[in-house]
Amino acid sequence: MRAFDTNNVPTLKIIDFSLRLTTAPMGSLNSAASQSLKYMVCISAISAGYALVAAVSSWVKCLVTKAWLFFVSDQVVAYLLVTSGAAVVEILYLAYNGDKVVTWSEACTSYASFCNRLIIALVLHALTLCCFLVLAVISAYRAFSIFEPPLSPKEGEDQRN
């Protein structure tokens, strides 16, 4: 096993910290959309809270060594953001197009401000998701860079002989 490569740690730590702080306000801005979007609001609040806690704990020495904790948590939050974003896209689709089969007409002509707020919330949600995808890559790098890469079959034969 090789030691963790510390050449990129300060740069990664600053990027990680900045992205986490960037996502926190986006989570709180999404909550103004509507009561019917409770799932997205809850996930946004969870991701904002987690981003703040993770940003602070990324500078605490005993927690920085827990790369797997950040890796798994970033993955879970990213997946939750994907599911809640998909739910909002479905609501937006129905609001703009309606559903003729169940005689539900489109609502955006009557409630344009609701639809505009929903689009803004979705854009902020998508930006938060992008930040968490980058954070997931950074945390994956941190979690897996402590291991040696696997040997190719040729290298394995050379070591046996």
N, C-alpha and C. Protein backbone atom coordinates (compact mmCIF):
# COMPACT_ATOMS: atom_id res chain seq x y z
N MET A 1 0.84 -1.18 0.00
CA MET A 1 0.00 0.00 0.00
C MET A 1 0.89 1.24 0.00
N ARG A 2 0.54 2.21 -0.78
CA ARG A 2 1.34 3.42 -0.80
C ARG A 2 0.65 4.51 0.00
N ALA A 3 1.42 5.45 0.45
CA ALA A 3 0.86 6.55 1.23
C ALA A 3 0.02 7.45 0.33
N PHE A 4 -0.89 8.16 0.94
CA PHE A 4 -1.76 9.09 0.23
C PHE A 4 -0.90 10.18 -0.40
N ASP A 5 -1.14 10.45 -1.68
CA ASP A 5 -0.40 11.46 -2.41
C ASP A 5 -0.83 12.84 -1.92
N THR A 6 0.08 13.53 -1.22
CA THR A 6 -0.28 14.82 -0.62
C THR A 6 0.00 16.00 -1.54
N ASN A 7 0.47 15.76 -2.75
CA ASN A 7 0.76 16.88 -3.65
C ASN A 7 -0.48 17.66 -4.01
N ASN A 8 -1.62 16.98 -4.21
CA ASN A 8 -2.85 17.64 -4.65
C ASN A 8 -3.82 17.91 -3.51
N VAL A 9 -3.48 17.54 -2.29
CA VAL A 9 -4.41 17.67 -1.18
C VAL A 9 -4.82 19.11 -0.92
N PRO A 10 -3.90 20.08 -0.83
CA PRO A 10 -4.37 21.45 -0.56
C PRO A 10 -5.31 21.96 -1.64
N THR A 11 -5.00 21.70 -2.90
CA THR A 11 -5.87 22.15 -3.98
C THR A 11 -7.22 21.46 -3.91
N LEU A 12 -7.22 20.14 -3.71
CA LEU A 12 -8.48 19.40 -3.60
C LEU A 12 -9.28 19.84 -2.39
N LYS A 13 -8.59 20.10 -1.29
CA LYS A 13 -9.29 20.51 -0.08
C LYS A 13 -9.97 21.85 -0.28
N ILE A 14 -9.31 22.76 -0.96
CA ILE A 14 -9.91 24.08 -1.22
C ILE A 14 -11.09 23.96 -2.18
N ILE A 15 -10.94 23.15 -3.23
CA ILE A 15 -12.04 22.94 -4.17
C ILE A 15 -13.22 22.28 -3.46
N ASP A 16 -12.93 21.25 -2.67
CA ASP A 16 -13.95 20.53 -1.92
C ASP A 16 -14.70 21.49 -1.00
N PHE A 17 -13.97 22.25 -0.22
CA PHE A 17 -14.55 23.20 0.73
C PHE A 17 -15.41 24.23 -0.01
N SER A 18 -14.90 24.77 -1.10
CA SER A 18 -15.63 25.79 -1.87
C SER A 18 -16.92 25.24 -2.45
N LEU A 19 -16.87 24.04 -3.03
CA LEU A 19 -18.08 23.45 -3.60
C LEU A 19 -19.13 23.17 -2.53
N ARG A 20 -18.67 22.70 -1.38
CA ARG A 20 -19.63 22.42 -0.30
C ARG A 20 -20.29 23.71 0.19
N LEU A 21 -19.52 24.77 0.33
CA LEU A 21 -20.12 26.04 0.75
C LEU A 21 -21.01 26.63 -0.32
N THR A 22 -20.70 26.36 -1.59
CA THR A 22 -21.52 26.86 -2.69
C THR A 22 -22.88 26.18 -2.72
N THR A 23 -22.92 24.89 -2.41
CA THR A 23 -24.18 24.16 -2.49
C THR A 23 -25.13 24.49 -1.35
N ALA A 24 -24.63 24.93 -0.21
CA ALA A 24 -25.50 25.19 0.94
C ALA A 24 -26.55 26.27 0.67
N PRO A 25 -26.20 27.44 0.13
CA PRO A 25 -27.25 28.44 -0.13
C PRO A 25 -28.24 28.00 -1.21
N MET A 26 -27.78 27.21 -2.18
CA MET A 26 -28.69 26.75 -3.23
C MET A 26 -29.78 25.88 -2.64
N GLY A 27 -29.45 25.09 -1.63
CA GLY A 27 -30.45 24.26 -0.99
C GLY A 27 -31.51 25.07 -0.30
N SER A 28 -31.14 26.17 0.33
CA SER A 28 -32.13 26.97 1.02
C SER A 28 -32.94 27.84 0.05
N LEU A 29 -32.41 28.18 -1.11
CA LEU A 29 -33.16 28.97 -2.08
C LEU A 29 -34.27 28.17 -2.74
N ASN A 30 -34.11 26.86 -2.86
CA ASN A 30 -35.12 26.03 -3.51
C ASN A 30 -36.41 25.94 -2.70
N SER A 31 -36.37 26.22 -1.42
CA SER A 31 -37.53 25.96 -0.57
C SER A 31 -38.70 26.89 -0.81
N ALA A 32 -38.55 27.93 -1.61
CA ALA A 32 -39.63 28.87 -1.84
C ALA A 32 -40.60 28.43 -2.94
N ALA A 33 -40.39 27.30 -3.56
CA ALA A 33 -41.17 26.93 -4.74
C ALA A 33 -42.65 26.67 -4.42
N SER A 34 -42.98 25.62 -3.68
CA SER A 34 -44.38 25.30 -3.45
C SER A 34 -44.50 24.20 -2.41
N GLN A 35 -45.65 24.11 -1.75
CA GLN A 35 -45.91 23.04 -0.79
C GLN A 35 -45.90 21.67 -1.45
N SER A 36 -46.32 21.61 -2.69
CA SER A 36 -46.41 20.32 -3.37
C SER A 36 -45.04 19.74 -3.72
N LEU A 37 -43.99 20.48 -3.48
CA LEU A 37 -42.65 20.03 -3.80
C LEU A 37 -41.86 19.72 -2.53
N LYS A 38 -42.52 19.13 -1.56
CA LYS A 38 -41.89 18.86 -0.26
C LYS A 38 -40.66 17.97 -0.39
N TYR A 39 -40.72 17.00 -1.26
CA TYR A 39 -39.60 16.08 -1.41
C TYR A 39 -38.34 16.82 -1.85
N MET A 40 -38.47 17.66 -2.86
CA MET A 40 -37.30 18.40 -3.34
C MET A 40 -36.80 19.36 -2.26
N VAL A 41 -37.70 19.99 -1.56
CA VAL A 41 -37.31 20.92 -0.52
C VAL A 41 -36.58 20.18 0.61
N CYS A 42 -37.11 19.02 0.99
CA CYS A 42 -36.45 18.23 2.04
C CYS A 42 -35.05 17.78 1.61
N ILE A 43 -34.93 17.29 0.39
CA ILE A 43 -33.63 16.85 -0.11
C ILE A 43 -32.68 18.04 -0.22
N SER A 44 -33.18 19.17 -0.64
CA SER A 44 -32.35 20.37 -0.73
C SER A 44 -31.87 20.80 0.66
N ALA A 45 -32.75 20.73 1.64
CA ALA A 45 -32.36 21.10 3.00
C ALA A 45 -31.34 20.11 3.56
N ILE A 46 -31.55 18.82 3.29
CA ILE A 46 -30.60 17.80 3.74
C ILE A 46 -29.24 18.02 3.09
N SER A 47 -29.24 18.28 1.79
CA SER A 47 -27.96 18.47 1.10
C SER A 47 -27.27 19.74 1.58
N ALA A 48 -28.03 20.79 1.87
CA ALA A 48 -27.43 22.02 2.38
C ALA A 48 -26.83 21.80 3.77
N GLY A 49 -27.56 21.12 4.63
CA GLY A 49 -27.04 20.82 5.97
C GLY A 49 -25.81 19.93 5.91
N TYR A 50 -25.88 18.90 5.08
CA TYR A 50 -24.73 18.01 4.94
C TYR A 50 -23.53 18.76 4.37
N ALA A 51 -23.76 19.64 3.40
CA ALA A 51 -22.66 20.39 2.79
C ALA A 51 -21.96 21.27 3.83
N LEU A 52 -22.73 21.91 4.69
CA LEU A 52 -22.12 22.74 5.73
C LEU A 52 -21.33 21.92 6.73
N VAL A 53 -21.92 20.82 7.19
CA VAL A 53 -21.22 19.94 8.15
C VAL A 53 -19.97 19.35 7.51
N ALA A 54 -20.07 18.91 6.27
CA ALA A 54 -18.92 18.31 5.59
C ALA A 54 -17.84 19.35 5.31
N ALA A 55 -18.24 20.58 5.00
CA ALA A 55 -17.24 21.63 4.75
C ALA A 55 -16.44 21.92 6.01
N VAL A 56 -17.12 22.00 7.13
CA VAL A 56 -16.42 22.25 8.40
C VAL A 56 -15.58 21.04 8.78
N SER A 57 -16.14 19.85 8.66
CA SER A 57 -15.40 18.65 9.08
C SER A 57 -14.27 18.28 8.12
N SER A 58 -14.26 18.84 6.92
CA SER A 58 -13.16 18.55 6.00
C SER A 58 -11.85 19.18 6.48
N TRP A 59 -11.94 20.09 7.43
CA TRP A 59 -10.74 20.72 7.99
C TRP A 59 -10.37 20.13 9.35
N VAL A 60 -11.22 19.24 9.89
CA VAL A 60 -10.93 18.58 11.17
C VAL A 60 -10.06 17.37 10.88
N LYS A 61 -8.92 17.31 11.50
CA LYS A 61 -7.89 16.31 11.18
C LYS A 61 -8.41 14.88 11.33
N CYS A 62 -9.15 14.56 12.39
CA CYS A 62 -9.58 13.17 12.61
C CYS A 62 -10.63 12.73 11.60
N LEU A 63 -11.40 13.66 11.06
CA LEU A 63 -12.42 13.29 10.08
C LEU A 63 -11.89 13.27 8.65
N VAL A 64 -10.82 14.01 8.39
CA VAL A 64 -10.25 14.04 7.05
C VAL A 64 -9.76 12.65 6.66
N THR A 65 -9.30 11.88 7.63
CA THR A 65 -8.80 10.53 7.35
C THR A 65 -9.92 9.56 7.05
N LYS A 66 -11.15 9.93 7.26
CA LYS A 66 -12.31 9.07 6.99
C LYS A 66 -12.82 9.32 5.58
N ALA A 67 -11.99 9.04 4.59
CA ALA A 67 -12.35 9.31 3.19
C ALA A 67 -13.58 8.53 2.75
N TRP A 68 -13.75 7.32 3.30
CA TRP A 68 -14.91 6.51 2.91
C TRP A 68 -16.21 7.13 3.39
N LEU A 69 -16.18 7.79 4.53
CA LEU A 69 -17.38 8.46 5.04
C LEU A 69 -17.86 9.54 4.07
N PHE A 70 -16.92 10.36 3.60
CA PHE A 70 -17.28 11.40 2.63
C PHE A 70 -17.69 10.79 1.30
N PHE A 71 -17.00 9.73 0.88
CA PHE A 71 -17.31 9.09 -0.40
C PHE A 71 -18.75 8.58 -0.42
N VAL A 72 -19.12 7.82 0.59
CA VAL A 72 -20.47 7.24 0.64
C VAL A 72 -21.52 8.34 0.80
N SER A 73 -21.26 9.30 1.67
CA SER A 73 -22.23 10.37 1.91
C SER A 73 -22.44 11.23 0.66
N ASP A 74 -21.35 11.56 -0.04
CA ASP A 74 -21.49 12.35 -1.27
C ASP A 74 -22.28 11.58 -2.33
N GLN A 75 -22.06 10.27 -2.42
CA GLN A 75 -22.81 9.45 -3.37
C GLN A 75 -24.30 9.45 -3.04
N VAL A 76 -24.63 9.26 -1.78
CA VAL A 76 -26.03 9.20 -1.37
C VAL A 76 -26.73 10.53 -1.64
N VAL A 77 -26.08 11.63 -1.28
CA VAL A 77 -26.69 12.95 -1.51
C VAL A 77 -26.87 13.21 -3.02
N ALA A 78 -25.88 12.83 -3.81
CA ALA A 78 -26.00 13.03 -5.27
C ALA A 78 -27.18 12.23 -5.83
N TYR A 79 -27.34 10.99 -5.39
CA TYR A 79 -28.46 10.18 -5.88
C TYR A 79 -29.80 10.75 -5.43
N LEU A 80 -29.87 11.24 -4.19
CA LEU A 80 -31.11 11.85 -3.72
C LEU A 80 -31.44 13.11 -4.52
N LEU A 81 -30.42 13.88 -4.87
CA LEU A 81 -30.65 15.07 -5.70
C LEU A 81 -31.16 14.69 -7.09
N VAL A 82 -30.66 13.58 -7.63
CA VAL A 82 -31.14 13.12 -8.94
C VAL A 82 -32.62 12.75 -8.87
N THR A 83 -33.00 12.01 -7.83
CA THR A 83 -34.41 11.58 -7.74
C THR A 83 -35.35 12.75 -7.51
N SER A 84 -34.96 13.68 -6.65
CA SER A 84 -35.84 14.83 -6.42
C SER A 84 -35.89 15.75 -7.63
N GLY A 85 -34.79 15.87 -8.35
CA GLY A 85 -34.79 16.65 -9.59
C GLY A 85 -35.70 16.04 -10.64
N ALA A 86 -35.70 14.71 -10.72
CA ALA A 86 -36.58 14.02 -11.67
C ALA A 86 -38.05 14.26 -11.33
N ALA A 87 -38.36 14.29 -10.04
CA ALA A 87 -39.74 14.55 -9.62
C ALA A 87 -40.17 15.96 -10.03
N VAL A 88 -39.27 16.92 -9.90
CA VAL A 88 -39.61 18.30 -10.28
C VAL A 88 -39.76 18.43 -11.79
N VAL A 89 -38.92 17.73 -12.55
CA VAL A 89 -39.06 17.75 -14.00
C VAL A 89 -40.42 17.20 -14.41
N GLU A 90 -40.87 16.16 -13.75
CA GLU A 90 -42.18 15.60 -14.06
C GLU A 90 -43.29 16.59 -13.74
N ILE A 91 -43.19 17.28 -12.62
CA ILE A 91 -44.19 18.28 -12.26
C ILE A 91 -44.20 19.42 -13.28
N LEU A 92 -43.01 19.85 -13.69
CA LEU A 92 -42.92 20.90 -14.70
C LEU A 92 -43.52 20.46 -16.03
N TYR A 93 -43.25 19.23 -16.42
CA TYR A 93 -43.81 18.72 -17.68
C TYR A 93 -45.34 18.74 -17.63
N LEU A 94 -45.89 18.27 -16.51
CA LEU A 94 -47.35 18.26 -16.38
C LEU A 94 -47.92 19.68 -16.30
N ALA A 95 -47.20 20.58 -15.66
CA ALA A 95 -47.68 21.96 -15.55
C ALA A 95 -47.70 22.65 -16.92
N TYR A 96 -46.73 22.33 -17.77
CA TYR A 96 -46.68 22.95 -19.10
C TYR A 96 -47.57 22.24 -20.12
N ASN A 97 -47.67 20.92 -20.03
CA ASN A 97 -48.38 20.16 -21.07
C ASN A 97 -49.70 19.57 -20.61
N GLY A 98 -49.89 19.41 -19.31
CA GLY A 98 -51.10 18.77 -18.81
C GLY A 98 -51.09 17.28 -19.11
N ASP A 99 -52.22 16.64 -18.87
CA ASP A 99 -52.38 15.21 -19.18
C ASP A 99 -53.78 15.02 -19.73
N LYS A 100 -53.85 14.90 -21.05
CA LYS A 100 -55.15 14.84 -21.74
C LYS A 100 -55.94 13.58 -21.37
N VAL A 101 -55.24 12.49 -21.05
CA VAL A 101 -55.92 11.23 -20.74
C VAL A 101 -56.79 11.39 -19.49
N VAL A 102 -56.30 12.08 -18.49
CA VAL A 102 -57.07 12.27 -17.26
C VAL A 102 -57.72 13.66 -17.21
N THR A 103 -57.79 14.31 -18.35
CA THR A 103 -58.38 15.64 -18.53
C THR A 103 -57.81 16.68 -17.57
N TRP A 104 -56.51 16.66 -17.44
CA TRP A 104 -55.82 17.66 -16.62
C TRP A 104 -55.15 18.64 -17.58
N SER A 105 -55.65 19.85 -17.59
CA SER A 105 -55.10 20.84 -18.53
C SER A 105 -53.80 21.43 -17.99
N GLU A 106 -53.06 22.04 -18.90
CA GLU A 106 -51.79 22.66 -18.49
C GLU A 106 -52.10 23.86 -17.60
N ALA A 107 -51.16 24.15 -16.68
CA ALA A 107 -51.42 25.17 -15.67
C ALA A 107 -50.55 26.41 -15.79
N CYS A 108 -49.55 26.37 -16.64
CA CYS A 108 -48.59 27.47 -16.67
C CYS A 108 -49.15 28.75 -17.29
N THR A 109 -50.21 28.65 -18.09
CA THR A 109 -50.80 29.88 -18.61
C THR A 109 -51.53 30.62 -17.50
N SER A 110 -52.12 29.89 -16.58
CA SER A 110 -52.84 30.51 -15.46
C SER A 110 -51.92 30.87 -14.30
N TYR A 111 -50.90 30.05 -14.09
CA TYR A 111 -50.01 30.23 -12.95
C TYR A 111 -48.57 30.40 -13.44
N ALA A 112 -48.35 31.43 -14.20
CA ALA A 112 -47.02 31.65 -14.80
C ALA A 112 -45.95 31.89 -13.73
N SER A 113 -46.27 32.61 -12.67
CA SER A 113 -45.25 32.88 -11.64
C SER A 113 -44.84 31.58 -10.93
N PHE A 114 -45.80 30.68 -10.72
CA PHE A 114 -45.46 29.38 -10.13
C PHE A 114 -44.49 28.62 -11.04
N CYS A 115 -44.77 28.59 -12.32
CA CYS A 115 -43.91 27.87 -13.25
C CYS A 115 -42.53 28.50 -13.35
N ASN A 116 -42.47 29.83 -13.33
CA ASN A 116 -41.18 30.51 -13.38
C ASN A 116 -40.35 30.21 -12.13
N ARG A 117 -40.99 30.22 -10.97
CA ARG A 117 -40.29 29.88 -9.73
C ARG A 117 -39.82 28.43 -9.73
N LEU A 118 -40.64 27.59 -10.29
CA LEU A 118 -40.29 26.17 -10.37
C LEU A 118 -39.09 25.96 -11.29
N ILE A 119 -39.02 26.70 -12.37
CA ILE A 119 -37.86 26.61 -13.27
C ILE A 119 -36.60 27.10 -12.57
N ILE A 120 -36.71 28.21 -11.83
CA ILE A 120 -35.55 28.72 -11.08
C ILE A 120 -35.10 27.71 -10.04
N ALA A 121 -36.06 27.12 -9.34
CA ALA A 121 -35.71 26.10 -8.34
C ALA A 121 -35.04 24.90 -9.00
N LEU A 122 -35.52 24.51 -10.17
CA LEU A 122 -34.92 23.37 -10.87
C LEU A 122 -33.50 23.69 -11.34
N VAL A 123 -33.28 24.89 -11.82
CA VAL A 123 -31.94 25.29 -12.25
C VAL A 123 -30.97 25.29 -11.07
N LEU A 124 -31.40 25.85 -9.94
CA LEU A 124 -30.55 25.83 -8.74
C LEU A 124 -30.31 24.41 -8.26
N HIS A 125 -31.32 23.59 -8.36
CA HIS A 125 -31.20 22.18 -7.97
C HIS A 125 -30.19 21.48 -8.89
N ALA A 126 -30.25 21.76 -10.16
CA ALA A 126 -29.31 21.15 -11.11
C ALA A 126 -27.88 21.62 -10.84
N LEU A 127 -27.71 22.89 -10.49
CA LEU A 127 -26.36 23.38 -10.14
C LEU A 127 -25.84 22.69 -8.88
N THR A 128 -26.72 22.50 -7.91
CA THR A 128 -26.33 21.78 -6.70
C THR A 128 -25.94 20.35 -7.05
N LEU A 129 -26.70 19.71 -7.91
CA LEU A 129 -26.37 18.35 -8.33
C LEU A 129 -25.01 18.30 -9.01
N CYS A 130 -24.73 19.26 -9.88
CA CYS A 130 -23.42 19.29 -10.56
C CYS A 130 -22.29 19.43 -9.55
N CYS A 131 -22.48 20.29 -8.56
CA CYS A 131 -21.46 20.44 -7.52
C CYS A 131 -21.25 19.14 -6.76
N PHE A 132 -22.33 18.45 -6.44
CA PHE A 132 -22.19 17.19 -5.71
C PHE A 132 -21.60 16.09 -6.58
N LEU A 133 -21.82 16.14 -7.87
CA LEU A 133 -21.16 15.16 -8.75
C LEU A 133 -19.65 15.37 -8.75
N VAL A 134 -19.22 16.63 -8.79
CA VAL A 134 -17.79 16.93 -8.70
C VAL A 134 -17.25 16.52 -7.33
N LEU A 135 -18.01 16.78 -6.28
CA LEU A 135 -17.59 16.37 -4.94
C LEU A 135 -17.49 14.85 -4.83
N ALA A 136 -18.40 14.13 -5.48
CA ALA A 136 -18.35 12.67 -5.47
C ALA A 136 -17.08 12.17 -6.15
N VAL A 137 -16.67 12.82 -7.23
CA VAL A 137 -15.43 12.44 -7.91
C VAL A 137 -14.22 12.72 -7.03
N ILE A 138 -14.22 13.89 -6.37
CA ILE A 138 -13.11 14.23 -5.48
C ILE A 138 -13.04 13.25 -4.31
N SER A 139 -14.17 12.95 -3.71
CA SER A 139 -14.15 12.02 -2.58
C SER A 139 -13.79 10.60 -3.03
N ALA A 140 -14.17 10.22 -4.25
CA ALA A 140 -13.76 8.91 -4.77
C ALA A 140 -12.25 8.86 -4.97
N TYR A 141 -11.69 9.95 -5.48
CA TYR A 141 -10.24 10.03 -5.64
C TYR A 141 -9.54 9.89 -4.29
N ARG A 142 -10.05 10.59 -3.30
CA ARG A 142 -9.45 10.50 -1.96
C ARG A 142 -9.58 9.10 -1.38
N ALA A 143 -10.72 8.47 -1.57
CA ALA A 143 -10.95 7.15 -0.98
C ALA A 143 -10.11 6.07 -1.66
N PHE A 144 -9.95 6.15 -2.97
CA PHE A 144 -9.28 5.08 -3.70
C PHE A 144 -7.81 5.35 -3.98
N SER A 145 -7.34 6.57 -3.76
CA SER A 145 -5.93 6.85 -4.06
C SER A 145 -4.98 6.29 -3.03
N ILE A 146 -5.48 5.79 -1.91
CA ILE A 146 -4.60 5.21 -0.91
C ILE A 146 -4.19 3.78 -1.26
N PHE A 147 -4.81 3.22 -2.27
CA PHE A 147 -4.51 1.85 -2.69
C PHE A 147 -3.64 1.83 -3.92
N GLU A 148 -2.86 0.78 -4.05
CA GLU A 148 -2.06 0.57 -5.26
C GLU A 148 -3.00 0.18 -6.39
N PRO A 149 -2.67 0.56 -7.63
CA PRO A 149 -3.49 0.10 -8.75
C PRO A 149 -3.32 -1.41 -8.93
N PRO A 150 -4.31 -2.09 -9.48
CA PRO A 150 -4.20 -3.53 -9.68
C PRO A 150 -3.09 -3.86 -10.68
N LEU A 151 -2.48 -5.02 -10.49
CA LEU A 151 -1.43 -5.46 -11.39
C LEU A 151 -2.02 -6.02 -12.66
N SER A 152 -1.37 -5.76 -13.77
CA SER A 152 -1.80 -6.37 -15.02
C SER A 152 -1.37 -7.84 -14.99
N PRO A 153 -1.94 -8.71 -15.82
CA PRO A 153 -1.55 -10.12 -15.81
C PRO A 153 -0.06 -10.31 -16.05
N LYS A 154 0.54 -9.50 -16.92
CA LYS A 154 1.97 -9.61 -17.20
C LYS A 154 2.81 -9.25 -15.97
N GLU A 155 2.43 -8.19 -15.26
CA GLU A 155 3.15 -7.79 -14.05
C GLU A 155 3.02 -8.86 -12.97
N GLY A 156 1.86 -9.49 -12.89
CA GLY A 156 1.65 -10.56 -11.91
C GLY A 156 2.55 -11.75 -12.19
N GLU A 157 2.74 -12.11 -13.46
CA GLU A 157 3.63 -13.22 -13.82
C GLU A 157 5.07 -12.88 -13.51
N ASP A 158 5.48 -11.64 -13.76
CA ASP A 158 6.84 -11.20 -13.48
C ASP A 158 7.15 -11.29 -12.00
N GLN A 159 6.20 -10.98 -11.14
CA GLN A 159 6.44 -11.03 -9.70
C GLN A 159 6.50 -12.46 -9.19
N ARG A 160 5.76 -13.38 -9.82
CA ARG A 160 5.78 -14.78 -9.39
C ARG A 160 7.09 -15.45 -9.77
N ASN A 161 7.72 -15.03 -10.84
CA ASN A 161 8.97 -15.68 -11.29
C ASN A 161 10.17 -15.12 -10.62
